[in-house]
Structure formats: structure tokens, C-alpha cells
PDB file of N, CA and C in Angstrom:
ATOM      1  N   UNK A   1      43.760 -32.893 -52.512  1.00  0.00           N
ATOM      2  CA  UNK A   1      45.234 -32.655 -52.438  1.00  0.00           C
ATOM      3  C   UNK A   1      45.830 -33.641 -51.531  1.00  0.00           C
ATOM      4  N   UNK A   2      46.969 -33.998 -51.830  1.00  0.00           N
ATOM      5  CA  UNK A   2      47.751 -35.009 -51.086  1.00  0.00           C
ATOM      6  C   UNK A   2      48.634 -34.394 -50.130  1.00  0.00           C
ATOM      7  N   UNK A   3      48.943 -35.062 -49.072  1.00  0.00           N
ATOM      8  CA  UNK A   3      49.775 -34.505 -48.042  1.00  0.00           C
ATOM      9  C   UNK A   3      49.915 -35.328 -46.820  1.00  0.00           C
ATOM     10  N   UNK A   4      50.477 -34.844 -45.822  1.00  0.00           N
ATOM     11  CA  UNK A   4      50.602 -35.405 -44.503  1.00  0.00           C
ATOM     12  C   UNK A   4      50.409 -34.335 -43.442  1.00  0.00           C
ATOM     13  N   UNK A   5      49.987 -34.951 -42.367  1.00  0.00           N
ATOM     14  CA  UNK A   5      49.776 -34.125 -41.177  1.00  0.00           C
ATOM     15  C   UNK A   5      50.510 -34.602 -39.987  1.00  0.00           C
ATOM     16  N   UNK A   6      51.103 -33.796 -39.123  1.00  0.00           N
ATOM     17  CA  UNK A   6      51.990 -34.119 -37.964  1.00  0.00           C
ATOM     18  C   UNK A   6      51.623 -33.372 -36.789  1.00  0.00           C
ATOM     19  N   UNK A   7      51.560 -33.733 -35.626  1.00  0.00           N
ATOM     20  CA  UNK A   7      51.276 -32.998 -34.295  1.00  0.00           C
ATOM     21  C   UNK A   7      52.368 -33.240 -33.358  1.00  0.00           C
ATOM     22  N   UNK A   8      52.668 -32.154 -32.825  1.00  0.00           N
ATOM     23  CA  UNK A   8      53.702 -31.903 -31.730  1.00  0.00           C
ATOM     24  C   UNK A   8      54.947 -32.652 -32.188  1.00  0.00           C
ATOM     25  N   UNK A   9      55.625 -32.342 -33.251  1.00  0.00           N
ATOM     26  CA  UNK A   9      56.764 -32.968 -33.586  1.00  0.00           C
ATOM     27  C   UNK A   9      57.964 -31.815 -33.822  1.00  0.00           C
ATOM     28  N   UNK A  10      59.023 -32.160 -33.413  1.00  0.00           N
ATOM     29  CA  UNK A  10      60.107 -31.252 -33.645  1.00  0.00           C
ATOM     30  C   UNK A  10      60.583 -31.428 -35.116  1.00  0.00           C
ATOM     31  N   UNK A  11      61.377 -30.340 -35.552  1.00  0.00           N
ATOM     32  CA  UNK A  11      61.913 -30.465 -37.032  1.00  0.00           C
ATOM     33  C   UNK A  11      62.727 -31.917 -37.155  1.00  0.00           C
ATOM     34  N   UNK A  12      63.612 -32.193 -36.013  1.00  0.00           N
ATOM     35  CA  UNK A  12      64.317 -33.434 -36.149  1.00  0.00           C
ATOM     36  C   UNK A  12      63.549 -34.681 -36.294  1.00  0.00           C
ATOM     37  N   UNK A  13      62.396 -34.709 -35.607  1.00  0.00           N
ATOM     38  CA  UNK A  13      61.458 -35.835 -35.818  1.00  0.00           C
ATOM     39  C   UNK A  13      60.924 -35.858 -37.110  1.00  0.00           C
ATOM     40  N   UNK A  14      60.428 -34.662 -37.569  1.00  0.00           N
ATOM     41  CA  UNK A  14      59.917 -34.662 -38.973  1.00  0.00           C
ATOM     42  C   UNK A  14      60.880 -35.056 -39.977  1.00  0.00           C
ATOM     43  N   UNK A  15      62.194 -34.635 -40.001  1.00  0.00           N
ATOM     44  CA  UNK A  15      63.133 -34.960 -40.804  1.00  0.00           C
ATOM     45  C   UNK A  15      63.458 -36.423 -40.800  1.00  0.00           C
ATOM     46  N   UNK A  16      63.358 -37.210 -39.755  1.00  0.00           N
ATOM     47  CA  UNK A  16      63.676 -38.582 -39.740  1.00  0.00           C
ATOM     48  C   UNK A  16      62.449 -39.282 -40.374  1.00  0.00           C
ATOM     49  N   UNK A  17      61.259 -38.904 -40.107  1.00  0.00           N
ATOM     50  CA  UNK A  17      60.071 -39.333 -40.698  1.00  0.00           C
ATOM     51  C   UNK A  17      60.090 -39.275 -42.083  1.00  0.00           C
ATOM     52  N   UNK A  18      60.335 -38.092 -42.674  1.00  0.00           N
ATOM     53  CA  UNK A  18      60.393 -37.816 -44.011  1.00  0.00           C
ATOM     54  C   UNK A  18      61.516 -38.680 -44.814  1.00  0.00           C
ATOM     55  N   UNK A  19      62.592 -38.611 -44.260  1.00  0.00           N
ATOM     56  CA  UNK A  19      63.722 -39.417 -44.745  1.00  0.00           C
ATOM     57  C   UNK A  19      63.482 -40.885 -44.892  1.00  0.00           C
ATOM     58  N   UNK A  20      62.800 -41.502 -44.135  1.00  0.00           N
ATOM     59  CA  UNK A  20      62.333 -42.951 -44.134  1.00  0.00           C
ATOM     60  C   UNK A  20      61.378 -43.074 -45.307  1.00  0.00           C
ATOM     61  N   UNK A  21      60.492 -42.103 -45.574  1.00  0.00           N
ATOM     62  CA  UNK A  21      59.367 -42.175 -46.445  1.00  0.00           C
ATOM     63  C   UNK A  21      59.746 -41.847 -47.913  1.00  0.00           C
ATOM     64  N   UNK A  22      60.731 -41.006 -48.087  1.00  0.00           N
ATOM     65  CA  UNK A  22      61.180 -40.564 -49.477  1.00  0.00           C
ATOM     66  C   UNK A  22      62.501 -41.064 -49.858  1.00  0.00           C
ATOM     67  N   UNK A  23      62.912 -41.034 -51.036  1.00  0.00           N
ATOM     68  CA  UNK A  23      64.062 -41.457 -51.634  1.00  0.00           C
ATOM     69  C   UNK A  23      65.121 -40.419 -51.325  1.00  0.00           C
ATOM     70  N   UNK A  24      65.105 -39.667 -50.424  1.00  0.00           N
ATOM     71  CA  UNK A  24      65.904 -38.414 -50.194  1.00  0.00           C
ATOM     72  C   UNK A  24      66.369 -38.387 -48.718  1.00  0.00           C
ATOM     73  N   UNK A  25      67.510 -37.932 -48.440  1.00  0.00           N
ATOM     74  CA  UNK A  25      67.823 -37.608 -46.999  1.00  0.00           C
ATOM     75  C   UNK A  25      67.285 -36.131 -46.905  1.00  0.00           C
ATOM     76  N   UNK A  26      66.702 -35.727 -45.675  1.00  0.00           N
ATOM     77  CA  UNK A  26      66.147 -34.644 -45.446  1.00  0.00           C
ATOM     78  C   UNK A  26      66.887 -33.874 -44.436  1.00  0.00           C
ATOM     79  N   UNK A  27      67.393 -32.706 -44.632  1.00  0.00           N
ATOM     80  CA  UNK A  27      68.288 -31.991 -43.731  1.00  0.00           C
ATOM     81  C   UNK A  27      67.614 -30.816 -42.942  1.00  0.00           C
ATOM     82  N   UNK A  28      67.738 -30.849 -41.750  1.00  0.00           N
ATOM     83  CA  UNK A  28      67.064 -29.693 -41.002  1.00  0.00           C
ATOM     84  C   UNK A  28      68.104 -28.659 -40.655  1.00  0.00           C
ATOM     85  N   UNK A  29      67.811 -27.426 -41.169  1.00  0.00           N
ATOM     86  CA  UNK A  29      68.789 -26.452 -41.208  1.00  0.00           C
ATOM     87  C   UNK A  29      67.922 -25.247 -40.412  1.00  0.00           C
ATOM     88  N   UNK A  30      66.951 -25.598 -39.681  1.00  0.00           N
ATOM     89  CA  UNK A  30      66.191 -24.497 -38.983  1.00  0.00           C
ATOM     90  C   UNK A  30      66.789 -23.955 -37.698  1.00  0.00           C
ATOM     91  N   UNK A  31      67.601 -24.824 -37.103  1.00  0.00           N
ATOM     92  CA  UNK A  31      68.159 -24.503 -35.800  1.00  0.00           C
ATOM     93  C   UNK A  31      67.165 -24.389 -34.546  1.00  0.00           C
ATOM     94  N   UNK A  32      65.978 -24.932 -34.730  1.00  0.00           N
ATOM     95  CA  UNK A  32      65.085 -24.832 -33.672  1.00  0.00           C
ATOM     96  C   UNK A  32      64.804 -26.358 -33.148  1.00  0.00           C
ATOM     97  N   UNK A  33      64.412 -26.341 -31.803  1.00  0.00           N
ATOM     98  CA  UNK A  33      64.161 -27.674 -31.273  1.00  0.00           C
ATOM     99  C   UNK A  33      62.727 -27.874 -30.645  1.00  0.00           C
ATOM    100  N   UNK A  34      61.848 -26.704 -30.814  1.00  0.00           N
ATOM    101  CA  UNK A  34      60.686 -26.704 -30.296  1.00  0.00           C
ATOM    102  C   UNK A  34      59.646 -27.537 -31.104  1.00  0.00           C
ATOM    103  N   UNK A  35      58.693 -28.305 -30.464  1.00  0.00           N
ATOM    104  CA  UNK A  35      57.698 -29.029 -31.268  1.00  0.00           C
ATOM    105  C   UNK A  35      56.652 -28.076 -31.975  1.00  0.00           C
ATOM    106  N   UNK A  36      56.194 -28.576 -33.161  1.00  0.00           N
ATOM    107  CA  UNK A  36      55.199 -27.866 -33.976  1.00  0.00           C
ATOM    108  C   UNK A  36      54.298 -28.792 -34.519  1.00  0.00           C
ATOM    109  N   UNK A  37      53.133 -28.185 -34.982  1.00  0.00           N
ATOM    110  CA  UNK A  37      52.169 -29.135 -35.873  1.00  0.00           C
ATOM    111  C   UNK A  37      52.439 -28.714 -37.259  1.00  0.00           C
ATOM    112  N   UNK A  38      52.507 -29.755 -38.268  1.00  0.00           N
ATOM    113  CA  UNK A  38      52.783 -29.608 -39.498  1.00  0.00           C
ATOM    114  C   UNK A  38      51.743 -30.202 -40.411  1.00  0.00           C
ATOM    115  N   UNK A  39      51.343 -29.463 -41.348  1.00  0.00           N
ATOM    116  CA  UNK A  39      50.529 -30.031 -42.369  1.00  0.00           C
ATOM    117  C   UNK A  39      51.228 -29.705 -43.803  1.00  0.00           C
ATOM    118  N   UNK A  40      51.696 -30.843 -44.415  1.00  0.00           N
ATOM    119  CA  UNK A  40      52.244 -30.721 -45.645  1.00  0.00           C
ATOM    120  C   UNK A  40      51.396 -30.975 -46.838  1.00  0.00           C
ATOM    121  N   UNK A  41      50.973 -30.002 -47.525  1.00  0.00           N
ATOM    122  CA  UNK A  41      49.978 -30.215 -48.737  1.00  0.00           C
ATOM    123  C   UNK A  41      50.878 -30.013 -49.905  1.00  0.00           C
ATOM    124  N   UNK A  42      50.758 -31.009 -50.853  1.00  0.00           N
ATOM    125  CA  UNK A  42      51.613 -30.962 -52.067  1.00  0.00           C
ATOM    126  C   UNK A  42      50.808 -30.161 -53.079  1.00  0.00           C
ATOM    127  N   UNK A  43      49.576 -30.110 -53.048  1.00  0.00           N
ATOM    128  CA  UNK A  43      48.652 -29.319 -54.038  1.00  0.00           C
ATOM    129  C   UNK A  43      48.889 -29.927 -55.372  1.00  0.00           C
ATOM    130  N   UNK A  44      48.371 -29.187 -56.279  1.00  0.00           N
ATOM    131  CA  UNK A  44      48.376 -29.758 -57.677  1.00  0.00           C
ATOM    132  C   UNK A  44      49.286 -29.122 -58.618  1.00  0.00           C
ATOM    133  N   UNK A  45      50.503 -28.834 -58.141  1.00  0.00           N
ATOM    134  CA  UNK A  45      51.474 -28.068 -58.954  1.00  0.00           C
ATOM    135  C   UNK A  45      52.256 -29.126 -59.707  1.00  0.00           C
ATOM    136  N   UNK A  46      52.998 -28.680 -60.597  1.00  0.00           N
ATOM    137  CA  UNK A  46      53.733 -29.529 -61.580  1.00  0.00           C
ATOM    138  C   UNK A  46      54.897 -30.295 -60.988  1.00  0.00           C
ATOM    139  N   UNK A  47      55.311 -31.345 -61.663  1.00  0.00           N
ATOM    140  CA  UNK A  47      56.659 -32.009 -61.109  1.00  0.00           C
ATOM    141  C   UNK A  47      56.278 -33.268 -60.400  1.00  0.00           C
ATOM    142  N   UNK A  48      57.296 -33.957 -60.169  1.00  0.00           N
ATOM    143  CA  UNK A  48      57.222 -35.450 -59.525  1.00  0.00           C
ATOM    144  C   UNK A  48      56.735 -35.187 -58.072  1.00  0.00           C
ATOM    145  N   UNK A  49      56.406 -36.234 -57.380  1.00  0.00           N
ATOM    146  CA  UNK A  49      56.084 -36.101 -55.901  1.00  0.00           C
ATOM    147  C   UNK A  49      57.204 -35.616 -55.117  1.00  0.00           C
ATOM    148  N   UNK A  50      58.375 -36.117 -55.302  1.00  0.00           N
ATOM    149  CA  UNK A  50      59.626 -35.719 -54.688  1.00  0.00           C
ATOM    150  C   UNK A  50      60.021 -34.290 -54.964  1.00  0.00           C
ATOM    151  N   UNK A  51      59.710 -33.744 -56.251  1.00  0.00           N
ATOM    152  CA  UNK A  51      60.020 -32.253 -56.572  1.00  0.00           C
ATOM    153  C   UNK A  51      58.897 -31.412 -55.793  1.00  0.00           C
ATOM    154  N   UNK A  52      57.617 -31.785 -55.714  1.00  0.00           N
ATOM    155  CA  UNK A  52      56.720 -31.156 -54.931  1.00  0.00           C
ATOM    156  C   UNK A  52      57.068 -31.048 -53.618  1.00  0.00           C
ATOM    157  N   UNK A  53      57.561 -32.128 -52.909  1.00  0.00           N
ATOM    158  CA  UNK A  53      57.879 -32.124 -51.526  1.00  0.00           C
ATOM    159  C   UNK A  53      59.108 -31.210 -51.323  1.00  0.00           C
ATOM    160  N   UNK A  54      60.004 -31.333 -52.294  1.00  0.00           N
ATOM    161  CA  UNK A  54      61.311 -30.436 -52.143  1.00  0.00           C
ATOM    162  C   UNK A  54      60.796 -28.951 -52.089  1.00  0.00           C
ATOM    163  N   UNK A  55      59.904 -28.586 -53.041  1.00  0.00           N
ATOM    164  CA  UNK A  55      59.352 -27.096 -53.002  1.00  0.00           C
ATOM    165  C   UNK A  55      58.786 -26.759 -51.548  1.00  0.00           C
ATOM    166  N   UNK A  56      57.896 -27.641 -51.100  1.00  0.00           N
ATOM    167  CA  UNK A  56      57.172 -27.431 -49.899  1.00  0.00           C
ATOM    168  C   UNK A  56      58.084 -27.343 -48.710  1.00  0.00           C
ATOM    169  N   UNK A  57      59.146 -28.163 -48.690  1.00  0.00           N
ATOM    170  CA  UNK A  57      60.041 -28.400 -47.460  1.00  0.00           C
ATOM    171  C   UNK A  57      60.934 -27.209 -47.571  1.00  0.00           C
ATOM    172  N   UNK A  58      61.331 -26.756 -48.711  1.00  0.00           N
ATOM    173  CA  UNK A  58      62.227 -25.601 -48.678  1.00  0.00           C
ATOM    174  C   UNK A  58      61.634 -24.370 -48.155  1.00  0.00           C
ATOM    175  N   UNK A  59      60.339 -24.198 -48.267  1.00  0.00           N
ATOM    176  CA  UNK A  59      59.562 -23.265 -47.634  1.00  0.00           C
ATOM    177  C   UNK A  59      59.599 -23.188 -46.083  1.00  0.00           C
ATOM    178  N   UNK A  60      59.744 -24.453 -45.550  1.00  0.00           N
ATOM    179  CA  UNK A  60      60.002 -24.713 -44.234  1.00  0.00           C
ATOM    180  C   UNK A  60      61.305 -24.706 -43.673  1.00  0.00           C
ATOM    181  N   UNK A  61      62.291 -24.452 -44.482  1.00  0.00           N
ATOM    182  CA  UNK A  61      63.654 -24.411 -44.085  1.00  0.00           C
ATOM    183  C   UNK A  61      64.456 -25.735 -44.142  1.00  0.00           C
ATOM    184  N   UNK A  62      63.729 -26.691 -44.882  1.00  0.00           N
ATOM    185  CA  UNK A  62      64.176 -28.069 -44.962  1.00  0.00           C
ATOM    186  C   UNK A  62      64.805 -28.312 -46.413  1.00  0.00           C
ATOM    187  N   UNK A  63      65.688 -29.153 -46.565  1.00  0.00           N
ATOM    188  CA  UNK A  63      66.221 -29.573 -47.854  1.00  0.00           C
ATOM    189  C   UNK A  63      66.235 -31.001 -48.069  1.00  0.00           C
ATOM    190  N   UNK A  64      65.937 -31.498 -49.370  1.00  0.00           N
ATOM    191  CA  UNK A  64      66.064 -32.852 -49.790  1.00  0.00           C
ATOM    192  C   UNK A  64      67.348 -33.159 -50.518  1.00  0.00           C
ATOM    193  N   UNK A  65      68.118 -34.212 -50.158  1.00  0.00           N
ATOM    194  CA  UNK A  65      69.334 -34.602 -51.040  1.00  0.00           C
ATOM    195  C   UNK A  65      69.045 -35.897 -51.449  1.00  0.00           C
ATOM    196  N   UNK A  66      69.243 -36.475 -52.703  1.00  0.00           N
ATOM    197  CA  UNK A  66      69.046 -37.631 -53.263  1.00  0.00           C
ATOM    198  C   UNK A  66      70.026 -38.639 -52.588  1.00  0.00           C
ATOM    199  N   UNK A  67      69.666 -39.790 -52.016  1.00  0.00           N
ATOM    200  CA  UNK A  67      70.369 -40.911 -51.621  1.00  0.00           C
ATOM    201  C   UNK A  67      71.143 -41.543 -52.487  1.00  0.00           C
TER     202      UNK A  67
END
């Protein structure tokens, strides 16, 4: 499985990181500023890499918008 792992990051930091790596702007609508550990696994689902990220991030309360 492909994915990324982050330690002690806020959603704002995660959003900034993902926005710089993807061809999308990532919006944080979680309303929290506490640090978390994140492991984002894209799995073997169908769709493009960005579509898979969009599905996983939506489950975390994040949204991708095409730049």
C-alpha cells in the first residue's frame, strides 16, 4: 500500500504539506488545532492517486480543490 505517515502534526500543518505535494488546495474544516499522528494509506482502490487521496482525506474532514 502506498501512503504517508506524519507525527505530531496539526491539521493546518498537514494541509500545508499536502497542498504542496498534490495538484490540489487542501482545506481544513476540522476546527481543531491539536497535534495528531496521521497515517494516510491509499490502498488498492480504484481511481487516480488524487481521487484516492480525496476519498481518504474526506474521511478525516479535509477536502481537495483543484488548483
